[in-house]
Amino acid sequence: MHGKCNHISDSSFDPERKWNGLSSFGQEVVAEMNRIGMMIDVSHASDEAFYQILELSEAPVVATHSACRHFTPGRERNMDDEMIRQLADKGGTIQIAFGASFINKRASLRSTHRKRQILEHFRTADLDPDEQEVYADQYVLANPLPVADIFDVVAHVDRVVDLVGIEHVGLGSDFDGVWGELPADLRDVSCYPNLINELLKSGYTDEDVKKICSENILRVWSAVLETASNDGANHAAK
């Protein structure tokens, strides 16, 4: 479900909505993931699939690499305020991605235009899948996005905290999935101290930063495992 709908779910990147959310098999997958203690990631799901997953899952779910649609209107890969609220109500977290198109409005608009241009070329040129990949990589390199900065990331963290509290936000990076279009001071894991420093300067406490960096996602993981354990115990009791 990365960029196209599949036999489980519709994708946020795919204009074709084959299932209007989850397929019937996808609904079974949600139940099975709960049963075996596997975290459900909603980052690439369509909005319809997201809401269906929340309704069906007995465990919290996580958006591992998304951001706030408030700053990037129309970008469905990000989550709007109501989605963030419902994710939090379920006990989940949104892990903020760092890619420019996720966190910066100008970059998001440019990314959408760039994608349209690439897809239009695919429609008019006779390219096999490997050639399409090469063309897309070359086009992206020749048409870089506007630069985002570390303060964009902090703004997204702030937005989630203002909406639902410190317990429901984390860091999702997506370092290897955005063609290197990252803030200059947040290009790889060695730059995490830069972000932590900005969070502390913004007023977050050491305890807050621990929650953002690891404790929130670990809490979700524990809840997922507990759901699986309870499910196993219930089946054994029967």
C-alpha atoms as a PDB file:
ATOM      1  CA  MET A   1       0.000   0.000   0.000  1.00  0.00           C
ATOM      2  CA  HIS A   2       2.945   2.340  -0.535  1.00  0.00           C
ATOM      3  CA  GLY A   3       1.821   4.253  -3.584  1.00  0.00           C
ATOM      4  CA  LYS A   4      -0.946   2.083  -5.051  1.00  0.00           C
ATOM      5  CA  CYS A   5      -3.944   0.274  -3.613  1.00  0.00           C
ATOM      6  CA  ASN A   6      -3.410  -3.451  -3.068  1.00  0.00           C
ATOM      7  CA  HIS A   7      -5.414  -6.472  -1.957  1.00  0.00           C
ATOM      8  CA  ILE A   8      -5.543  -5.117   1.620  1.00  0.00           C
ATOM      9  CA  SER A   9      -6.248  -1.405   1.384  1.00  0.00           C
ATOM     10  CA  ASP A  10      -6.447   1.768  -0.653  1.00  0.00           C
ATOM     11  CA  SER A  11      -3.391   4.020  -0.624  1.00  0.00           C
ATOM     12  CA  SER A  12      -3.335   7.743   0.081  1.00  0.00           C
ATOM     13  CA  PHE A  13      -1.160   8.217  -3.016  1.00  0.00           C
ATOM     14  CA  ASP A  14      -3.439   6.340  -5.418  1.00  0.00           C
ATOM     15  CA  PRO A  15      -6.295   8.317  -7.067  1.00  0.00           C
ATOM     16  CA  GLU A  16      -8.052   4.990  -7.710  1.00  0.00           C
ATOM     17  CA  ARG A  17     -10.011   3.874  -4.645  1.00  0.00           C
ATOM     18  CA  LYS A  18     -10.582   0.189  -5.267  1.00  0.00           C
ATOM     19  CA  TRP A  19     -12.074  -0.656  -1.865  1.00  0.00           C
ATOM     20  CA  ASN A  20     -13.246   2.676  -0.440  1.00  0.00           C
ATOM     21  CA  GLY A  21     -10.905   1.908   2.444  1.00  0.00           C
ATOM     22  CA  LEU A  22     -10.098  -1.665   3.446  1.00  0.00           C
ATOM     23  CA  SER A  23     -10.942  -4.772   1.488  1.00  0.00           C
ATOM     24  CA  SER A  24     -12.716  -7.601   3.302  1.00  0.00           C
ATOM     25  CA  PHE A  25      -9.329  -9.322   3.462  1.00  0.00           C
ATOM     26  CA  GLY A  26      -7.835  -6.123   4.887  1.00  0.00           C
ATOM     27  CA  GLN A  27     -10.377  -6.240   7.694  1.00  0.00           C
ATOM     28  CA  GLU A  28      -9.214  -9.767   8.468  1.00  0.00           C
ATOM     29  CA  VAL A  29      -5.605  -8.549   8.421  1.00  0.00           C
ATOM     30  CA  VAL A  30      -6.371  -5.937  11.092  1.00  0.00           C
ATOM     31  CA  ALA A  31      -7.820  -8.639  13.369  1.00  0.00           C
ATOM     32  CA  GLU A  32      -4.868 -10.943  12.732  1.00  0.00           C
ATOM     33  CA  MET A  33      -2.327  -8.196  13.446  1.00  0.00           C
ATOM     34  CA  ASN A  34      -4.092  -7.547  16.749  1.00  0.00           C
ATOM     35  CA  ARG A  35      -4.001 -11.259  17.523  1.00  0.00           C
ATOM     36  CA  ILE A  36      -0.272 -11.714  16.922  1.00  0.00           C
ATOM     37  CA  GLY A  37       0.820  -8.396  18.461  1.00  0.00           C
ATOM     38  CA  MET A  38       1.887  -6.563  15.290  1.00  0.00           C
ATOM     39  CA  MET A  39       1.647  -2.775  15.241  1.00  0.00           C
ATOM     40  CA  ILE A  40      -0.624  -1.344  12.559  1.00  0.00           C
ATOM     41  CA  ASP A  41       0.915   1.536  10.598  1.00  0.00           C
ATOM     42  CA  VAL A  42      -1.577   3.917   8.954  1.00  0.00           C
ATOM     43  CA  SER A  43       0.904   6.288   7.295  1.00  0.00           C
ATOM     44  CA  HIS A  44       0.169   5.199   3.713  1.00  0.00           C
ATOM     45  CA  ALA A  45      -3.505   4.337   4.156  1.00  0.00           C
ATOM     46  CA  SER A  46      -6.243   6.420   2.562  1.00  0.00           C
ATOM     47  CA  ASP A  47      -8.419   8.485   4.887  1.00  0.00           C
ATOM     48  CA  GLU A  48     -11.266   5.982   4.512  1.00  0.00           C
ATOM     49  CA  ALA A  49      -8.973   3.092   5.401  1.00  0.00           C
ATOM     50  CA  PHE A  50      -7.605   5.026   8.379  1.00  0.00           C
ATOM     51  CA  TYR A  51     -11.025   5.460   9.947  1.00  0.00           C
ATOM     52  CA  GLN A  52     -11.955   1.838   9.275  1.00  0.00           C
ATOM     53  CA  ILE A  53      -8.728   0.634  10.895  1.00  0.00           C
ATOM     54  CA  LEU A  54      -9.417   2.733  13.982  1.00  0.00           C
ATOM     55  CA  GLU A  55     -12.896   1.292  14.254  1.00  0.00           C
ATOM     56  CA  LEU A  56     -11.770  -2.307  13.808  1.00  0.00           C
ATOM     57  CA  SER A  57      -8.507  -2.415  15.751  1.00  0.00           C
ATOM     58  CA  GLU A  58      -8.624  -3.375  19.404  1.00  0.00           C
ATOM     59  CA  ALA A  59      -5.108  -1.996  19.889  1.00  0.00           C
ATOM     60  CA  PRO A  60      -3.668   1.495  19.363  1.00  0.00           C
ATOM     61  CA  VAL A  61      -2.272   2.212  15.914  1.00  0.00           C
ATOM     62  CA  VAL A  62       0.648   4.368  14.796  1.00  0.00           C
ATOM     63  CA  ALA A  63       1.428   6.651  11.868  1.00  0.00           C
ATOM     64  CA  THR A  64       5.145   5.938  11.590  1.00  0.00           C
ATOM     65  CA  HIS A  65       6.102   8.705   9.140  1.00  0.00           C
ATOM     66  CA  SER A  66       3.440  11.352   8.609  1.00  0.00           C
ATOM     67  CA  ALA A  67       2.926  14.971   9.630  1.00  0.00           C
ATOM     68  CA  CYS A  68       0.153  17.531  10.119  1.00  0.00           C
ATOM     69  CA  ARG A  69      -2.097  18.346   7.162  1.00  0.00           C
ATOM     70  CA  HIS A  70      -2.802  21.684   8.880  1.00  0.00           C
ATOM     71  CA  PHE A  71       0.485  22.936   7.394  1.00  0.00           C
ATOM     72  CA  THR A  72       0.141  21.155   4.033  1.00  0.00           C
ATOM     73  CA  PRO A  73      -3.512  21.424   2.930  1.00  0.00           C
ATOM     74  CA  GLY A  74      -4.590  18.697   0.536  1.00  0.00           C
ATOM     75  CA  ARG A  75      -1.638  16.406   1.254  1.00  0.00           C
ATOM     76  CA  GLU A  76      -3.397  13.178   2.160  1.00  0.00           C
ATOM     77  CA  ARG A  77      -0.201  11.449   3.276  1.00  0.00           C
ATOM     78  CA  ASN A  78      -0.396  13.766   6.286  1.00  0.00           C
ATOM     79  CA  MET A  79      -3.129  13.696   8.912  1.00  0.00           C
ATOM     80  CA  ASP A  80      -5.721  16.389   9.548  1.00  0.00           C
ATOM     81  CA  ASP A  81      -6.612  17.574  13.042  1.00  0.00           C
ATOM     82  CA  GLU A  82      -9.593  15.243  13.451  1.00  0.00           C
ATOM     83  CA  MET A  83      -7.545  12.231  12.411  1.00  0.00           C
ATOM     84  CA  ILE A  84      -4.867  13.141  14.940  1.00  0.00           C
ATOM     85  CA  ARG A  85      -7.510  13.493  17.655  1.00  0.00           C
ATOM     86  CA  GLN A  86      -9.030  10.103  16.884  1.00  0.00           C
ATOM     87  CA  LEU A  87      -5.600   8.463  16.642  1.00  0.00           C
ATOM     88  CA  ALA A  88      -4.834   9.817  20.122  1.00  0.00           C
ATOM     89  CA  ASP A  89      -8.230   8.761  21.490  1.00  0.00           C
ATOM     90  CA  LYS A  90      -7.283   5.234  20.422  1.00  0.00           C
ATOM     91  CA  GLY A  91      -3.991   5.588  22.322  1.00  0.00           C
ATOM     92  CA  GLY A  92      -1.763   5.869  19.243  1.00  0.00           C
ATOM     93  CA  THR A  93       0.962   8.240  18.106  1.00  0.00           C
ATOM     94  CA  ILE A  94       1.900  10.185  15.006  1.00  0.00           C
ATOM     95  CA  GLN A  95       5.625  10.069  14.248  1.00  0.00           C
ATOM     96  CA  ILE A  96       6.611  13.272  12.430  1.00  0.00           C
ATOM     97  CA  ALA A  97       8.385  12.790   9.101  1.00  0.00           C
ATOM     98  CA  PHE A  98      11.170  15.218   8.166  1.00  0.00           C
ATOM     99  CA  GLY A  99      10.869  15.353   4.377  1.00  0.00           C
ATOM    100  CA  ALA A 100      10.333  18.832   2.958  1.00  0.00           C
ATOM    101  CA  SER A 101       7.094  17.860   1.197  1.00  0.00           C
ATOM    102  CA  PHE A 102       5.631  16.646   4.498  1.00  0.00           C
ATOM    103  CA  ILE A 103       6.433  19.645   6.665  1.00  0.00           C
ATOM    104  CA  ASN A 104       6.580  22.723   4.436  1.00  0.00           C
ATOM    105  CA  LYS A 105       3.610  24.102   2.459  1.00  0.00           C
ATOM    106  CA  ARG A 106       5.625  25.437  -0.505  1.00  0.00           C
ATOM    107  CA  ALA A 107       7.524  22.166  -0.786  1.00  0.00           C
ATOM    108  CA  SER A 108       4.299  20.168  -0.543  1.00  0.00           C
ATOM    109  CA  LEU A 109       2.676  22.117  -3.389  1.00  0.00           C
ATOM    110  CA  ARG A 110       5.787  21.782  -5.519  1.00  0.00           C
ATOM    111  CA  SER A 111       5.961  18.056  -4.792  1.00  0.00           C
ATOM    112  CA  THR A 112       2.357  17.593  -5.943  1.00  0.00           C
ATOM    113  CA  HIS A 113       3.089  19.455  -9.188  1.00  0.00           C
ATOM    114  CA  ARG A 114       6.258  17.430  -9.734  1.00  0.00           C
ATOM    115  CA  LYS A 115       4.397  14.167  -9.260  1.00  0.00           C
ATOM    116  CA  ARG A 116       1.782  15.207 -11.823  1.00  0.00           C
ATOM    117  CA  GLN A 117       4.506  15.995 -14.346  1.00  0.00           C
ATOM    118  CA  ILE A 118       6.157  12.626 -13.808  1.00  0.00           C
ATOM    119  CA  LEU A 119       2.881  10.713 -14.110  1.00  0.00           C
ATOM    120  CA  GLU A 120       1.963  12.633 -17.250  1.00  0.00           C
ATOM    121  CA  HIS A 121       5.263  11.580 -18.811  1.00  0.00           C
ATOM    122  CA  PHE A 122       4.564   7.967 -17.827  1.00  0.00           C
ATOM    123  CA  ARG A 123       1.219   8.184 -19.626  1.00  0.00           C
ATOM    124  CA  THR A 124       2.685   9.553 -22.838  1.00  0.00           C
ATOM    125  CA  ALA A 125       6.004   7.703 -23.016  1.00  0.00           C
ATOM    126  CA  ASP A 126       6.422   3.997 -23.611  1.00  0.00           C
ATOM    127  CA  LEU A 127       8.557   3.187 -20.555  1.00  0.00           C
ATOM    128  CA  ASP A 128       8.877  -0.093 -18.732  1.00  0.00           C
ATOM    129  CA  PRO A 129       8.849  -0.031 -14.880  1.00  0.00           C
ATOM    130  CA  ASP A 130      12.645   0.164 -14.591  1.00  0.00           C
ATOM    131  CA  GLU A 131      12.758   3.066 -17.066  1.00  0.00           C
ATOM    132  CA  GLN A 132       9.997   4.817 -15.143  1.00  0.00           C
ATOM    133  CA  GLU A 133      12.029   4.581 -11.945  1.00  0.00           C
ATOM    134  CA  VAL A 134      15.124   5.997 -13.642  1.00  0.00           C
ATOM    135  CA  TYR A 135      13.126   8.835 -15.190  1.00  0.00           C
ATOM    136  CA  ALA A 136      11.458   9.706 -11.864  1.00  0.00           C
ATOM    137  CA  ASP A 137      14.813   9.798 -10.050  1.00  0.00           C
ATOM    138  CA  GLN A 138      16.344  12.011 -12.740  1.00  0.00           C
ATOM    139  CA  TYR A 139      13.343  14.366 -12.776  1.00  0.00           C
ATOM    140  CA  VAL A 140      13.404  14.733  -8.998  1.00  0.00           C
ATOM    141  CA  LEU A 141      17.118  15.527  -8.992  1.00  0.00           C
ATOM    142  CA  ALA A 142      16.620  18.117 -11.724  1.00  0.00           C
ATOM    143  CA  ASN A 143      13.625  19.696  -9.968  1.00  0.00           C
ATOM    144  CA  PRO A 144      14.409  19.918  -6.245  1.00  0.00           C
ATOM    145  CA  LEU A 145      11.847  21.098  -3.715  1.00  0.00           C
ATOM    146  CA  PRO A 146      12.013  24.355  -1.754  1.00  0.00           C
ATOM    147  CA  VAL A 147      14.094  23.947   1.386  1.00  0.00           C
ATOM    148  CA  ALA A 148      12.458  23.133   4.716  1.00  0.00           C
ATOM    149  CA  ASP A 149      14.154  23.666   8.068  1.00  0.00           C
ATOM    150  CA  ILE A 150      14.250  22.161  11.520  1.00  0.00           C
ATOM    151  CA  PHE A 151      11.763  24.730  12.791  1.00  0.00           C
ATOM    152  CA  ASP A 152       9.140  23.209  10.463  1.00  0.00           C
ATOM    153  CA  VAL A 153       9.570  19.910  12.294  1.00  0.00           C
ATOM    154  CA  VAL A 154       9.210  21.614  15.679  1.00  0.00           C
ATOM    155  CA  ALA A 155       6.042  23.354  14.436  1.00  0.00           C
ATOM    156  CA  HIS A 156       4.486  19.976  13.593  1.00  0.00           C
ATOM    157  CA  VAL A 157       5.402  18.590  17.004  1.00  0.00           C
ATOM    158  CA  ASP A 158       3.862  21.694  18.597  1.00  0.00           C
ATOM    159  CA  ARG A 159       0.677  21.230  16.594  1.00  0.00           C
ATOM    160  CA  VAL A 160       0.182  17.658  17.787  1.00  0.00           C
ATOM    161  CA  VAL A 161       0.939  18.591  21.392  1.00  0.00           C
ATOM    162  CA  ASP A 162      -1.539  21.471  21.256  1.00  0.00           C
ATOM    163  CA  LEU A 163      -4.209  19.146  19.814  1.00  0.00           C
ATOM    164  CA  VAL A 164      -3.802  15.983  21.878  1.00  0.00           C
ATOM    165  CA  GLY A 165      -0.923  16.302  24.327  1.00  0.00           C
ATOM    166  CA  ILE A 166       2.704  15.273  24.571  1.00  0.00           C
ATOM    167  CA  GLU A 167       1.879  11.543  24.824  1.00  0.00           C
ATOM    168  CA  HIS A 168       0.863  11.147  21.185  1.00  0.00           C
ATOM    169  CA  VAL A 169       3.753  12.493  19.117  1.00  0.00           C
ATOM    170  CA  GLY A 170       7.100  11.056  18.086  1.00  0.00           C
ATOM    171  CA  LEU A 171       9.784  11.247  15.407  1.00  0.00           C
ATOM    172  CA  GLY A 172       9.371   9.408  12.102  1.00  0.00           C
ATOM    173  CA  SER A 173      12.220  10.839   9.972  1.00  0.00           C
ATOM    174  CA  ASP A 174      11.802   8.830   6.704  1.00  0.00           C
ATOM    175  CA  PHE A 175      15.433   9.603   5.914  1.00  0.00           C
ATOM    176  CA  ASP A 176      15.632   7.091   3.072  1.00  0.00           C
ATOM    177  CA  GLY A 177      12.278   7.824   1.442  1.00  0.00           C
ATOM    178  CA  VAL A 178      12.404  11.473   0.345  1.00  0.00           C
ATOM    179  CA  TRP A 179      15.292  11.695  -2.159  1.00  0.00           C
ATOM    180  CA  GLY A 180      17.394  13.469   0.471  1.00  0.00           C
ATOM    181  CA  GLU A 181      15.041  16.486   0.503  1.00  0.00           C
ATOM    182  CA  LEU A 182      15.526  17.134   4.202  1.00  0.00           C
ATOM    183  CA  PRO A 183      16.299  20.161   6.376  1.00  0.00           C
ATOM    184  CA  ALA A 184      19.980  21.084   6.127  1.00  0.00           C
ATOM    185  CA  ASP A 185      20.441  20.574   9.866  1.00  0.00           C
ATOM    186  CA  LEU A 186      18.470  17.308   9.974  1.00  0.00           C
ATOM    187  CA  ARG A 187      19.888  15.175   7.182  1.00  0.00           C
ATOM    188  CA  ASP A 188      20.624  11.932   9.057  1.00  0.00           C
ATOM    189  CA  VAL A 189      20.571  10.374  12.519  1.00  0.00           C
ATOM    190  CA  SER A 190      23.730  12.223  13.551  1.00  0.00           C
ATOM    191  CA  CYS A 191      21.634  15.413  13.447  1.00  0.00           C
ATOM    192  CA  TYR A 192      19.101  14.349  16.077  1.00  0.00           C
ATOM    193  CA  PRO A 193      20.897  16.456  18.732  1.00  0.00           C
ATOM    194  CA  ASN A 194      20.056  19.537  16.631  1.00  0.00           C
ATOM    195  CA  LEU A 195      16.349  18.717  16.818  1.00  0.00           C
ATOM    196  CA  ILE A 196      16.470  17.844  20.510  1.00  0.00           C
ATOM    197  CA  ASN A 197      18.231  21.138  21.188  1.00  0.00           C
ATOM    198  CA  GLU A 198      15.498  23.069  19.354  1.00  0.00           C
ATOM    199  CA  LEU A 199      12.783  21.196  21.261  1.00  0.00           C
ATOM    200  CA  LEU A 200      14.451  22.071  24.564  1.00  0.00           C
ATOM    201  CA  LYS A 201      14.863  25.712  23.494  1.00  0.00           C
ATOM    202  CA  SER A 202      11.154  25.742  22.607  1.00  0.00           C
ATOM    203  CA  GLY A 203      10.251  24.861  26.192  1.00  0.00           C
ATOM    204  CA  TYR A 204       9.983  21.092  26.154  1.00  0.00           C
ATOM    205  CA  THR A 205      11.370  19.420  29.263  1.00  0.00           C
ATOM    206  CA  ASP A 206      13.792  16.498  29.407  1.00  0.00           C
ATOM    207  CA  GLU A 207      10.833  14.239  30.250  1.00  0.00           C
ATOM    208  CA  ASP A 208       8.905  15.591  27.258  1.00  0.00           C
ATOM    209  CA  VAL A 209      11.819  14.855  24.945  1.00  0.00           C
ATOM    210  CA  LYS A 210      12.095  11.297  26.280  1.00  0.00           C
ATOM    211  CA  LYS A 211       8.431  10.772  25.426  1.00  0.00           C
ATOM    212  CA  ILE A 212       8.878  12.219  21.936  1.00  0.00           C
ATOM    213  CA  CYS A 213      12.055  10.247  21.193  1.00  0.00           C
ATOM    214  CA  SER A 214      11.024   6.816  22.477  1.00  0.00           C
ATOM    215  CA  GLU A 215       8.598   6.449  25.355  1.00  0.00           C
ATOM    216  CA  ASN A 216       5.422   7.206  23.414  1.00  0.00           C
ATOM    217  CA  ILE A 217       6.056   4.657  20.685  1.00  0.00           C
ATOM    218  CA  LEU A 218       7.194   2.082  23.250  1.00  0.00           C
ATOM    219  CA  ARG A 219       3.921   2.613  25.129  1.00  0.00           C
ATOM    220  CA  VAL A 220       1.992   1.862  21.932  1.00  0.00           C
ATOM    221  CA  TRP A 221       4.101  -1.237  21.340  1.00  0.00           C
ATOM    222  CA  SER A 222       3.376  -2.462  24.868  1.00  0.00           C
ATOM    223  CA  ALA A 223      -0.356  -1.872  24.395  1.00  0.00           C
ATOM    224  CA  VAL A 224      -0.296  -3.827  21.127  1.00  0.00           C
ATOM    225  CA  LEU A 225       1.425  -6.759  22.849  1.00  0.00           C
ATOM    226  CA  GLU A 226      -1.009  -6.588  25.751  1.00  0.00           C
ATOM    227  CA  THR A 227      -3.946  -6.730  23.345  1.00  0.00           C
ATOM    228  CA  ALA A 228      -2.457  -9.828  21.729  1.00  0.00           C
ATOM    229  CA  SER A 229      -1.851 -11.423  25.127  1.00  0.00           C
ATOM    230  CA  ASN A 230      -5.411 -10.735  26.246  1.00  0.00           C
ATOM    231  CA  ASP A 231      -6.735 -12.147  22.984  1.00  0.00           C
ATOM    232  CA  GLY A 232      -4.707 -15.294  23.509  1.00  0.00           C
ATOM    233  CA  ALA A 233      -5.943 -15.632  27.068  1.00  0.00           C
ATOM    234  CA  ASN A 234      -9.552 -15.195  25.946  1.00  0.00           C
ATOM    235  CA  HIS A 235      -9.171 -17.901  23.311  1.00  0.00           C
ATOM    236  CA  ALA A 236      -7.553 -20.231  25.862  1.00  0.00           C
ATOM    237  CA  ALA A 237     -10.421 -19.635  28.281  1.00  0.00           C
ATOM    238  CA  LYS A 238     -12.898 -20.708  25.612  1.00  0.00           C
END
